Amino acid sequence: MLCLSPENEILRKLEGKRQTGLTEAGASHQIGRHHREDLSRALKDSGPQQQKQVHRHLDQHEVKYLQFAFRWMNNLLMREMPLRCTVRLWDTYQSEPEGFSHFHLYVCAAFLVRWRKEILEEKDFQELLIFLQNLPTAHWGNEEVSVLLAEAYRLKFAFADAPNHYKK
């Protein structure tokens, strides 16, 4: 049980503060589900203006952010990276002063930045969705995760306190 403690802490942070009186499993799940849906919407709205081309491409092929980003949020990127990378990623999440979910959004946005070229090369809905749900990260290691985290930090510091950069 002790080895699951960091995972439980991350899940607790992702779900946010629980409201008093909502202790049933169903109520807890509802809070977490709504928070993850909010994060998926925020991912759509948080891309820097330089990423408009990716957004237009996804929109043109009718790919909704919720169709792939919900999985990224719900599974905390565990299905997108090898375990060794997930451990490194979650270690960074734990050190974030604003909380896990705040920085997780920028990591997901950094994924879109990282895979921009490949996303733009996909020519239809099915290819885009398959690519976004099966990113080629199986051979990733510490170096690739470090680059992803560096991009996430760049996005965070460039845009977190500048709400006018978002085009909504």
N, C-alpha and C. Protein backbone atom coordinates (compact mmCIF):
# COMPACT_ATOMS: atom_id res chain seq x y z
N MET A 1 0.82 -1.19 0.00
CA MET A 1 0.00 0.00 0.00
C MET A 1 0.87 1.26 0.00
N LEU A 2 2.01 1.18 0.64
CA LEU A 2 2.90 2.32 0.72
C LEU A 2 3.38 2.76 -0.65
N CYS A 3 3.61 1.82 -1.57
CA CYS A 3 4.11 2.18 -2.89
C CYS A 3 3.05 2.92 -3.71
N LEU A 4 1.78 2.81 -3.37
CA LEU A 4 0.74 3.52 -4.08
C LEU A 4 0.51 4.93 -3.55
N SER A 5 1.15 5.27 -2.47
CA SER A 5 0.94 6.56 -1.84
C SER A 5 1.18 7.74 -2.79
N PRO A 6 2.27 7.80 -3.54
CA PRO A 6 2.46 8.92 -4.47
C PRO A 6 1.38 8.98 -5.54
N GLU A 7 0.93 7.81 -6.03
CA GLU A 7 -0.13 7.80 -7.03
C GLU A 7 -1.43 8.36 -6.45
N ASN A 8 -1.74 7.94 -5.21
CA ASN A 8 -2.96 8.45 -4.57
C ASN A 8 -2.88 9.96 -4.36
N GLU A 9 -1.71 10.45 -4.00
CA GLU A 9 -1.54 11.89 -3.80
C GLU A 9 -1.75 12.64 -5.11
N ILE A 10 -1.22 12.11 -6.18
CA ILE A 10 -1.40 12.75 -7.49
C ILE A 10 -2.87 12.75 -7.88
N LEU A 11 -3.53 11.63 -7.70
CA LEU A 11 -4.96 11.56 -8.03
C LEU A 11 -5.76 12.53 -7.17
N ARG A 12 -5.40 12.64 -5.90
CA ARG A 12 -6.10 13.58 -5.02
C ARG A 12 -5.90 15.01 -5.51
N LYS A 13 -4.71 15.34 -5.90
CA LYS A 13 -4.44 16.69 -6.40
C LYS A 13 -5.17 16.95 -7.71
N LEU A 14 -5.25 15.93 -8.57
CA LEU A 14 -5.95 16.10 -9.83
C LEU A 14 -7.43 16.34 -9.61
N GLU A 15 -8.02 15.62 -8.67
CA GLU A 15 -9.44 15.77 -8.41
C GLU A 15 -9.77 17.09 -7.72
N GLY A 16 -8.79 17.71 -7.13
CA GLY A 16 -9.04 18.97 -6.44
C GLY A 16 -9.61 18.71 -5.06
N LYS A 17 -9.93 19.77 -4.39
CA LYS A 17 -10.47 19.63 -3.04
C LYS A 17 -11.87 19.04 -3.11
N ARG A 18 -12.09 18.03 -2.30
CA ARG A 18 -13.40 17.42 -2.26
C ARG A 18 -14.33 18.27 -1.42
N GLN A 19 -15.56 18.33 -1.88
CA GLN A 19 -16.55 19.10 -1.14
C GLN A 19 -17.00 18.29 0.07
N THR A 20 -17.26 18.96 1.16
CA THR A 20 -17.72 18.31 2.37
C THR A 20 -19.04 17.59 2.09
N GLY A 21 -19.14 16.36 2.57
CA GLY A 21 -20.37 15.59 2.39
C GLY A 21 -20.37 14.74 1.13
N LEU A 22 -19.41 14.91 0.22
CA LEU A 22 -19.37 14.10 -0.99
C LEU A 22 -18.28 13.04 -0.84
N THR A 23 -18.54 12.08 0.02
CA THR A 23 -17.51 11.07 0.28
C THR A 23 -17.78 9.76 -0.45
N GLU A 24 -18.93 9.60 -1.06
CA GLU A 24 -19.21 8.35 -1.77
C GLU A 24 -18.31 8.26 -3.00
N ALA A 25 -18.00 7.05 -3.40
CA ALA A 25 -17.13 6.84 -4.56
C ALA A 25 -17.70 7.51 -5.81
N GLY A 26 -18.99 7.41 -6.02
CA GLY A 26 -19.62 8.01 -7.20
C GLY A 26 -19.46 9.52 -7.21
N ALA A 27 -19.66 10.17 -6.07
CA ALA A 27 -19.53 11.62 -6.01
C ALA A 27 -18.08 12.03 -6.24
N SER A 28 -17.15 11.28 -5.67
CA SER A 28 -15.73 11.57 -5.86
C SER A 28 -15.36 11.44 -7.33
N HIS A 29 -15.87 10.39 -7.98
CA HIS A 29 -15.58 10.18 -9.40
C HIS A 29 -16.13 11.33 -10.23
N GLN A 30 -17.33 11.80 -9.90
CA GLN A 30 -17.93 12.91 -10.63
C GLN A 30 -17.08 14.17 -10.53
N ILE A 31 -16.57 14.48 -9.35
CA ILE A 31 -15.72 15.65 -9.18
C ILE A 31 -14.48 15.52 -10.06
N GLY A 32 -13.84 14.36 -10.00
CA GLY A 32 -12.63 14.13 -10.80
C GLY A 32 -12.92 14.20 -12.28
N ARG A 33 -14.03 13.61 -12.71
CA ARG A 33 -14.38 13.58 -14.13
C ARG A 33 -14.59 15.00 -14.64
N HIS A 34 -15.33 15.81 -13.90
CA HIS A 34 -15.58 17.18 -14.35
C HIS A 34 -14.29 17.98 -14.39
N HIS A 35 -13.40 17.77 -13.43
CA HIS A 35 -12.13 18.49 -13.42
C HIS A 35 -11.29 18.11 -14.64
N ARG A 36 -11.27 16.82 -14.98
CA ARG A 36 -10.50 16.39 -16.15
C ARG A 36 -11.10 16.94 -17.43
N GLU A 37 -12.43 17.03 -17.51
CA GLU A 37 -13.06 17.62 -18.69
C GLU A 37 -12.71 19.11 -18.79
N ASP A 38 -12.66 19.80 -17.66
CA ASP A 38 -12.23 21.20 -17.66
C ASP A 38 -10.81 21.33 -18.16
N LEU A 39 -9.94 20.40 -17.74
CA LEU A 39 -8.55 20.43 -18.20
C LEU A 39 -8.47 20.18 -19.70
N SER A 40 -9.31 19.29 -20.22
CA SER A 40 -9.32 19.03 -21.66
C SER A 40 -9.72 20.28 -22.43
N ARG A 41 -10.74 20.99 -21.93
CA ARG A 41 -11.14 22.25 -22.58
C ARG A 41 -10.03 23.29 -22.48
N ALA A 42 -9.36 23.33 -21.34
CA ALA A 42 -8.28 24.29 -21.16
C ALA A 42 -7.13 23.99 -22.11
N LEU A 43 -6.85 22.72 -22.36
CA LEU A 43 -5.79 22.36 -23.29
C LEU A 43 -6.11 22.91 -24.68
N LYS A 44 -7.36 22.79 -25.08
CA LYS A 44 -7.76 23.33 -26.38
C LYS A 44 -7.53 24.84 -26.44
N ASP A 45 -7.82 25.53 -25.34
CA ASP A 45 -7.75 26.99 -25.32
C ASP A 45 -6.39 27.53 -24.92
N SER A 46 -5.46 26.65 -24.52
CA SER A 46 -4.21 27.15 -23.95
C SER A 46 -3.05 27.19 -24.92
N GLY A 47 -3.23 26.73 -26.12
CA GLY A 47 -2.11 26.70 -27.05
C GLY A 47 -1.66 28.10 -27.42
N PRO A 48 -0.35 28.32 -27.46
CA PRO A 48 0.13 29.62 -27.90
C PRO A 48 -0.31 29.87 -29.34
N GLN A 49 -0.39 31.12 -29.72
CA GLN A 49 -0.89 31.46 -31.03
C GLN A 49 -0.07 30.81 -32.14
N GLN A 50 1.20 30.51 -31.88
CA GLN A 50 2.01 29.85 -32.90
C GLN A 50 1.51 28.44 -33.20
N GLN A 51 0.65 27.90 -32.35
CA GLN A 51 0.10 26.56 -32.56
C GLN A 51 -1.25 26.60 -33.27
N LYS A 52 -1.64 27.76 -33.77
CA LYS A 52 -2.94 27.87 -34.45
C LYS A 52 -3.04 26.90 -35.62
N GLN A 53 -1.94 26.64 -36.29
CA GLN A 53 -1.94 25.73 -37.43
C GLN A 53 -2.35 24.32 -37.01
N VAL A 54 -1.85 23.86 -35.87
CA VAL A 54 -2.23 22.54 -35.37
C VAL A 54 -3.72 22.54 -35.03
N HIS A 55 -4.17 23.59 -34.34
CA HIS A 55 -5.59 23.67 -33.99
C HIS A 55 -6.46 23.66 -35.25
N ARG A 56 -6.10 24.46 -36.25
CA ARG A 56 -6.88 24.48 -37.49
C ARG A 56 -6.89 23.11 -38.17
N HIS A 57 -5.74 22.43 -38.15
CA HIS A 57 -5.64 21.11 -38.78
C HIS A 57 -6.55 20.12 -38.06
N LEU A 58 -6.52 20.11 -36.74
CA LEU A 58 -7.39 19.22 -35.98
C LEU A 58 -8.85 19.57 -36.24
N ASP A 59 -9.16 20.85 -36.25
CA ASP A 59 -10.52 21.32 -36.48
C ASP A 59 -10.99 20.94 -37.89
N GLN A 60 -10.13 21.12 -38.86
CA GLN A 60 -10.45 20.79 -40.26
C GLN A 60 -10.84 19.32 -40.42
N HIS A 61 -10.19 18.46 -39.65
CA HIS A 61 -10.46 17.03 -39.73
C HIS A 61 -11.43 16.57 -38.64
N GLU A 62 -12.05 17.54 -37.98
CA GLU A 62 -13.10 17.31 -36.97
C GLU A 62 -12.62 16.46 -35.79
N VAL A 63 -11.34 16.63 -35.43
CA VAL A 63 -10.80 15.97 -34.24
C VAL A 63 -11.00 16.92 -33.07
N LYS A 64 -11.75 16.48 -32.10
CA LYS A 64 -12.01 17.27 -30.90
C LYS A 64 -10.96 16.97 -29.85
N TYR A 65 -10.54 17.98 -29.12
CA TYR A 65 -9.52 17.78 -28.10
C TYR A 65 -9.94 16.74 -27.08
N LEU A 66 -11.21 16.70 -26.76
CA LEU A 66 -11.69 15.75 -25.77
C LEU A 66 -11.48 14.31 -26.23
N GLN A 67 -11.41 14.07 -27.55
CA GLN A 67 -11.25 12.72 -28.06
C GLN A 67 -9.87 12.13 -27.76
N PHE A 68 -8.87 12.97 -27.56
CA PHE A 68 -7.55 12.45 -27.21
C PHE A 68 -7.05 13.01 -25.88
N ALA A 69 -7.38 14.25 -25.58
CA ALA A 69 -6.86 14.88 -24.37
C ALA A 69 -7.51 14.31 -23.11
N PHE A 70 -8.74 13.84 -23.21
CA PHE A 70 -9.37 13.24 -22.03
C PHE A 70 -8.54 12.04 -21.57
N ARG A 71 -8.08 11.26 -22.52
CA ARG A 71 -7.24 10.11 -22.17
C ARG A 71 -5.93 10.59 -21.53
N TRP A 72 -5.35 11.64 -22.06
CA TRP A 72 -4.11 12.18 -21.50
C TRP A 72 -4.35 12.63 -20.06
N MET A 73 -5.49 13.27 -19.82
CA MET A 73 -5.81 13.76 -18.48
C MET A 73 -6.22 12.61 -17.56
N ASN A 74 -7.07 11.74 -18.06
CA ASN A 74 -7.62 10.67 -17.24
C ASN A 74 -6.56 9.65 -16.83
N ASN A 75 -5.63 9.35 -17.72
CA ASN A 75 -4.61 8.36 -17.44
C ASN A 75 -3.28 8.98 -17.04
N LEU A 76 -3.27 10.29 -16.87
CA LEU A 76 -2.09 11.01 -16.39
C LEU A 76 -0.84 10.72 -17.24
N LEU A 77 -1.06 10.50 -18.53
CA LEU A 77 -0.02 10.20 -19.51
C LEU A 77 0.65 8.85 -19.30
N MET A 78 0.09 8.01 -18.43
CA MET A 78 0.67 6.69 -18.18
C MET A 78 0.63 5.80 -19.42
N ARG A 79 -0.37 5.96 -20.26
CA ARG A 79 -0.49 5.12 -21.46
C ARG A 79 0.31 5.70 -22.62
N GLU A 80 0.77 6.92 -22.48
CA GLU A 80 1.49 7.57 -23.56
C GLU A 80 3.00 7.39 -23.47
N MET A 81 3.50 6.95 -22.32
CA MET A 81 4.94 6.83 -22.13
C MET A 81 5.28 5.55 -21.36
N PRO A 82 6.51 5.08 -21.52
CA PRO A 82 6.95 3.93 -20.70
C PRO A 82 6.95 4.31 -19.21
N LEU A 83 6.88 3.31 -18.37
CA LEU A 83 6.83 3.52 -16.92
C LEU A 83 7.99 4.37 -16.43
N ARG A 84 9.20 4.10 -16.92
CA ARG A 84 10.37 4.86 -16.47
C ARG A 84 10.19 6.36 -16.73
N CYS A 85 9.51 6.70 -17.81
CA CYS A 85 9.26 8.11 -18.13
C CYS A 85 8.14 8.68 -17.27
N THR A 86 7.14 7.85 -16.99
CA THR A 86 6.03 8.29 -16.15
C THR A 86 6.53 8.62 -14.74
N VAL A 87 7.42 7.80 -14.22
CA VAL A 87 7.98 8.04 -12.89
C VAL A 87 8.71 9.39 -12.88
N ARG A 88 9.50 9.64 -13.90
CA ARG A 88 10.23 10.91 -14.00
C ARG A 88 9.26 12.09 -14.10
N LEU A 89 8.23 11.92 -14.90
CA LEU A 89 7.22 12.96 -15.08
C LEU A 89 6.50 13.25 -13.77
N TRP A 90 6.05 12.21 -13.09
CA TRP A 90 5.31 12.39 -11.84
C TRP A 90 6.18 12.97 -10.74
N ASP A 91 7.46 12.65 -10.76
CA ASP A 91 8.38 13.25 -9.80
C ASP A 91 8.39 14.77 -9.97
N THR A 92 8.39 15.20 -11.20
CA THR A 92 8.35 16.65 -11.47
C THR A 92 7.01 17.24 -11.04
N TYR A 93 5.93 16.54 -11.33
CA TYR A 93 4.60 17.02 -10.91
C TYR A 93 4.54 17.24 -9.40
N GLN A 94 5.12 16.34 -8.65
CA GLN A 94 5.08 16.45 -7.19
C GLN A 94 5.80 17.69 -6.69
N SER A 95 6.77 18.17 -7.44
CA SER A 95 7.55 19.33 -6.99
C SER A 95 6.94 20.66 -7.41
N GLU A 96 5.85 20.64 -8.16
CA GLU A 96 5.25 21.87 -8.65
C GLU A 96 4.46 22.60 -7.57
N PRO A 97 4.80 23.86 -7.31
CA PRO A 97 4.11 24.60 -6.24
C PRO A 97 2.64 24.91 -6.54
N GLU A 98 2.28 25.08 -7.83
CA GLU A 98 0.88 25.40 -8.17
C GLU A 98 0.00 24.17 -8.18
N GLY A 99 0.61 23.02 -8.08
CA GLY A 99 -0.17 21.80 -8.06
C GLY A 99 -0.01 21.01 -9.35
N PHE A 100 -0.36 19.77 -9.21
CA PHE A 100 -0.19 18.81 -10.28
C PHE A 100 -0.95 19.19 -11.55
N SER A 101 -2.24 19.44 -11.42
CA SER A 101 -3.07 19.62 -12.62
C SER A 101 -2.69 20.86 -13.41
N HIS A 102 -2.19 21.88 -12.74
CA HIS A 102 -1.78 23.10 -13.44
C HIS A 102 -0.63 22.80 -14.39
N PHE A 103 0.39 22.12 -13.92
CA PHE A 103 1.55 21.84 -14.77
C PHE A 103 1.25 20.73 -15.78
N HIS A 104 0.38 19.81 -15.43
CA HIS A 104 0.01 18.73 -16.35
C HIS A 104 -0.55 19.30 -17.66
N LEU A 105 -1.30 20.37 -17.56
CA LEU A 105 -1.84 21.03 -18.75
C LEU A 105 -0.71 21.47 -19.68
N TYR A 106 0.35 22.04 -19.13
CA TYR A 106 1.46 22.49 -19.96
C TYR A 106 2.26 21.31 -20.54
N VAL A 107 2.32 20.21 -19.82
CA VAL A 107 2.98 19.02 -20.36
C VAL A 107 2.19 18.51 -21.56
N CYS A 108 0.88 18.48 -21.44
CA CYS A 108 0.04 18.05 -22.57
C CYS A 108 0.19 19.00 -23.76
N ALA A 109 0.23 20.30 -23.49
CA ALA A 109 0.46 21.27 -24.56
C ALA A 109 1.84 21.05 -25.19
N ALA A 110 2.82 20.71 -24.37
CA ALA A 110 4.17 20.42 -24.90
C ALA A 110 4.15 19.19 -25.78
N PHE A 111 3.28 18.23 -25.50
CA PHE A 111 3.12 17.08 -26.38
C PHE A 111 2.69 17.55 -27.77
N LEU A 112 1.73 18.46 -27.80
CA LEU A 112 1.27 18.97 -29.10
C LEU A 112 2.39 19.71 -29.83
N VAL A 113 3.19 20.46 -29.09
CA VAL A 113 4.33 21.16 -29.70
C VAL A 113 5.33 20.13 -30.23
N ARG A 114 5.63 19.12 -29.41
CA ARG A 114 6.61 18.10 -29.79
C ARG A 114 6.20 17.35 -31.05
N TRP A 115 4.93 17.05 -31.19
CA TRP A 115 4.45 16.23 -32.30
C TRP A 115 3.80 17.07 -33.40
N ARG A 116 4.02 18.37 -33.41
CA ARG A 116 3.38 19.28 -34.37
C ARG A 116 3.57 18.82 -35.82
N LYS A 117 4.80 18.56 -36.21
CA LYS A 117 5.08 18.17 -37.59
C LYS A 117 4.31 16.91 -37.98
N GLU A 118 4.35 15.91 -37.12
CA GLU A 118 3.68 14.65 -37.39
C GLU A 118 2.17 14.82 -37.43
N ILE A 119 1.63 15.64 -36.56
CA ILE A 119 0.19 15.92 -36.55
C ILE A 119 -0.23 16.54 -37.87
N LEU A 120 0.54 17.50 -38.35
CA LEU A 120 0.21 18.19 -39.59
C LEU A 120 0.35 17.28 -40.82
N GLU A 121 1.13 16.22 -40.70
CA GLU A 121 1.30 15.28 -41.82
C GLU A 121 0.13 14.31 -41.95
N GLU A 122 -0.60 14.08 -40.87
CA GLU A 122 -1.74 13.17 -40.91
C GLU A 122 -2.87 13.81 -41.69
N LYS A 123 -3.52 13.04 -42.56
CA LYS A 123 -4.46 13.62 -43.52
C LYS A 123 -5.93 13.31 -43.31
N ASP A 124 -6.28 12.56 -42.27
CA ASP A 124 -7.70 12.35 -42.03
C ASP A 124 -7.96 12.11 -40.54
N PHE A 125 -9.23 12.10 -40.20
CA PHE A 125 -9.67 11.97 -38.81
C PHE A 125 -9.08 10.73 -38.15
N GLN A 126 -9.24 9.57 -38.81
CA GLN A 126 -8.80 8.32 -38.20
C GLN A 126 -7.29 8.30 -37.97
N GLU A 127 -6.51 8.74 -38.95
CA GLU A 127 -5.05 8.76 -38.81
C GLU A 127 -4.62 9.69 -37.67
N LEU A 128 -5.26 10.86 -37.60
CA LEU A 128 -4.93 11.81 -36.54
C LEU A 128 -5.22 11.23 -35.16
N LEU A 129 -6.40 10.67 -35.00
CA LEU A 129 -6.79 10.15 -33.70
C LEU A 129 -5.92 8.96 -33.30
N ILE A 130 -5.64 8.08 -34.24
CA ILE A 130 -4.76 6.94 -33.94
C ILE A 130 -3.39 7.44 -33.53
N PHE A 131 -2.86 8.42 -34.24
CA PHE A 131 -1.54 8.95 -33.89
C PHE A 131 -1.56 9.58 -32.50
N LEU A 132 -2.55 10.43 -32.22
CA LEU A 132 -2.62 11.13 -30.94
C LEU A 132 -2.86 10.19 -29.76
N GLN A 133 -3.44 9.04 -30.02
CA GLN A 133 -3.67 8.08 -28.96
C GLN A 133 -2.59 7.00 -28.88
N ASN A 134 -1.67 7.03 -29.82
CA ASN A 134 -0.58 6.05 -29.83
C ASN A 134 0.72 6.74 -30.23
N LEU A 135 1.10 7.74 -29.48
CA LEU A 135 2.31 8.49 -29.80
C LEU A 135 3.53 7.57 -29.74
N PRO A 136 4.49 7.76 -30.64
CA PRO A 136 5.66 6.88 -30.70
C PRO A 136 6.68 7.18 -29.59
N THR A 137 6.34 6.84 -28.38
CA THR A 137 7.20 7.13 -27.23
C THR A 137 7.73 5.86 -26.55
N ALA A 138 7.51 4.70 -27.15
CA ALA A 138 7.89 3.43 -26.51
C ALA A 138 9.37 3.36 -26.15
N HIS A 139 10.20 4.03 -26.90
CA HIS A 139 11.64 3.97 -26.65
C HIS A 139 12.16 5.23 -25.96
N TRP A 140 11.26 6.03 -25.44
CA TRP A 140 11.68 7.25 -24.75
C TRP A 140 12.42 6.90 -23.46
N GLY A 141 13.29 7.81 -23.09
CA GLY A 141 14.02 7.70 -21.84
C GLY A 141 14.07 9.04 -21.15
N ASN A 142 14.98 9.19 -20.24
CA ASN A 142 15.11 10.40 -19.44
C ASN A 142 15.36 11.65 -20.30
N GLU A 143 16.15 11.51 -21.35
CA GLU A 143 16.47 12.67 -22.19
C GLU A 143 15.22 13.23 -22.87
N GLU A 144 14.39 12.36 -23.43
CA GLU A 144 13.18 12.82 -24.11
C GLU A 144 12.19 13.45 -23.13
N VAL A 145 12.06 12.85 -21.95
CA VAL A 145 11.16 13.41 -20.94
C VAL A 145 11.69 14.77 -20.47
N SER A 146 13.00 14.89 -20.33
CA SER A 146 13.60 16.17 -19.93
C SER A 146 13.31 17.26 -20.95
N VAL A 147 13.39 16.91 -22.23
CA VAL A 147 13.08 17.88 -23.29
C VAL A 147 11.60 18.26 -23.23
N LEU A 148 10.72 17.27 -23.04
CA LEU A 148 9.29 17.54 -22.92
C LEU A 148 9.01 18.46 -21.74
N LEU A 149 9.61 18.17 -20.59
CA LEU A 149 9.41 19.00 -19.40
C LEU A 149 9.97 20.40 -19.59
N ALA A 150 11.09 20.51 -20.28
CA ALA A 150 11.66 21.84 -20.56
C ALA A 150 10.70 22.66 -21.41
N GLU A 151 10.08 22.03 -22.40
CA GLU A 151 9.10 22.73 -23.23
C GLU A 151 7.87 23.11 -22.41
N ALA A 152 7.44 22.22 -21.53
CA ALA A 152 6.30 22.53 -20.67
C ALA A 152 6.61 23.72 -19.76
N TYR A 153 7.81 23.75 -19.19
CA TYR A 153 8.21 24.90 -18.37
C TYR A 153 8.28 26.17 -19.20
N ARG A 154 8.78 26.04 -20.44
CA ARG A 154 8.84 27.22 -21.31
C ARG A 154 7.43 27.77 -21.54
N LEU A 155 6.50 26.88 -21.85
CA LEU A 155 5.12 27.30 -22.07
C LEU A 155 4.52 27.91 -20.80
N LYS A 156 4.79 27.27 -19.68
CA LYS A 156 4.26 27.76 -18.41
C LYS A 156 4.75 29.18 -18.13
N PHE A 157 6.05 29.40 -18.24
CA PHE A 157 6.59 30.71 -17.90
C PHE A 157 6.32 31.76 -18.97
N ALA A 158 6.15 31.32 -20.20
CA ALA A 158 5.86 32.27 -21.27
C ALA A 158 4.39 32.71 -21.26
N PHE A 159 3.50 31.81 -20.84
CA PHE A 159 2.08 32.08 -21.04
C PHE A 159 1.20 32.04 -19.81
N ALA A 160 1.66 31.50 -18.71
CA ALA A 160 0.79 31.33 -17.54
C ALA A 160 0.26 32.65 -17.00
N ASP A 161 1.08 33.68 -17.02
CA ASP A 161 0.64 34.96 -16.46
C ASP A 161 0.27 35.97 -17.54
N ALA A 162 0.06 35.48 -18.75
CA ALA A 162 -0.29 36.37 -19.87
C ALA A 162 -1.56 35.84 -20.54
N PRO A 163 -2.72 36.04 -19.92
CA PRO A 163 -3.93 35.43 -20.46
C PRO A 163 -4.32 35.93 -21.84
N ASN A 164 -3.82 37.07 -22.28
CA ASN A 164 -4.20 37.58 -23.59
C ASN A 164 -3.54 36.86 -24.74
N HIS A 165 -2.58 35.98 -24.47
CA HIS A 165 -1.96 35.23 -25.55
C HIS A 165 -2.87 34.14 -26.08
N TYR A 166 -3.85 33.75 -25.29
CA TYR A 166 -4.76 32.69 -25.71
C TYR A 166 -5.81 33.27 -26.64
N LYS A 167 -6.08 32.57 -27.71
CA LYS A 167 -7.16 32.98 -28.60
C LYS A 167 -8.32 32.05 -28.33
N LYS A 168 -9.37 32.59 -27.76
CA LYS A 168 -10.50 31.75 -27.37
C LYS A 168 -11.66 31.94 -28.32
